[in-house]
Protein backbone atom coordinates (compact mmCIF):
# COMPACT_ATOMS: atom_id res chain seq x y z
CA UNK A 1 137.26 97.66 136.53
CA UNK A 2 139.83 95.58 134.72
CA UNK A 3 141.81 97.09 131.90
CA UNK A 4 141.82 95.06 128.71
CA UNK A 5 143.64 95.52 125.45
CA UNK A 6 140.28 95.75 123.58
CA UNK A 7 139.75 99.11 125.25
CA UNK A 8 142.94 100.51 123.72
CA UNK A 9 143.50 98.59 120.50
CA UNK A 10 141.29 97.82 117.54
CA UNK A 11 140.15 94.21 117.30
CA UNK A 12 141.71 92.03 114.61
CA UNK A 13 140.46 92.62 111.10
CA UNK A 14 137.79 90.31 109.78
CA UNK A 15 138.76 87.97 106.97
CA UNK A 16 137.52 88.51 103.43
CA UNK A 17 135.33 85.41 103.72
CA UNK A 18 133.68 86.75 106.87
CA UNK A 19 132.98 90.08 105.19
CA UNK A 20 131.59 88.34 102.10
CA UNK A 21 129.37 86.09 104.22
CA UNK A 22 128.02 89.06 106.16
CA UNK A 23 127.38 91.01 102.94
CA UNK A 24 125.63 88.01 101.42
CA UNK A 25 123.42 87.56 104.47
CA UNK A 26 122.42 91.23 104.53
CA UNK A 27 121.73 91.24 100.79
CA UNK A 28 119.58 88.11 101.09
CA UNK A 29 117.53 89.68 103.88
CA UNK A 30 117.02 92.89 101.87
CA UNK A 31 115.87 90.93 98.81
CA UNK A 32 113.51 88.83 100.92
CA UNK A 33 112.03 91.93 102.56
CA UNK A 34 111.48 93.58 99.17
CA UNK A 35 109.82 90.44 97.80
CA UNK A 36 107.51 90.24 100.80
CA UNK A 37 106.56 93.90 100.45
CA UNK A 38 105.90 93.44 96.72
CA UNK A 39 103.70 90.40 97.36
CA UNK A 40 101.75 92.27 100.04
CA UNK A 41 101.20 95.24 97.72
CA UNK A 42 100.11 92.96 94.88
CA UNK A 43 97.55 91.22 97.10
CA UNK A 44 96.20 94.57 98.31
CA UNK A 45 95.87 95.93 94.77
CA UNK A 46 94.29 92.69 93.54
CA UNK A 47 91.68 92.86 96.31
CA UNK A 48 90.93 96.51 95.52
CA UNK A 49 90.60 95.74 91.80
CA UNK A 50 88.22 92.87 92.52
CA UNK A 51 86.12 95.03 94.85
CA UNK A 52 86.02 97.77 92.23
CA UNK A 53 84.83 95.33 89.57
CA UNK A 54 82.13 93.96 91.84
CA UNK A 55 80.87 97.40 92.85
CA UNK A 56 80.97 98.95 89.38
CA UNK A 57 77.68 99.08 87.47
CA UNK A 58 77.51 96.96 84.37
CA UNK A 59 78.37 98.94 81.23
CA UNK A 60 76.90 96.39 78.83
CA UNK A 61 73.49 97.47 77.57
CA UNK A 62 73.35 100.64 79.62
CA UNK A 63 73.98 102.94 76.66
CA UNK A 64 70.94 104.37 74.92
CA UNK A 65 70.83 104.42 71.19
CA UNK A 66 69.69 107.58 69.55
């Protein structure tokens, strides 16, 4: 096993641009994941609402007048 300086010393610090780019990339992926989850939830709720409307009995004309 060869001994290297990386085993004993910390690697060089990342530049501010590298940190900003990494932060930007992570933030973009989080936003995209949230948007995808929101779209999936909206589609699911829309389908349930449509199914509920189709299965519900018609309320027009079903009331009896006294």
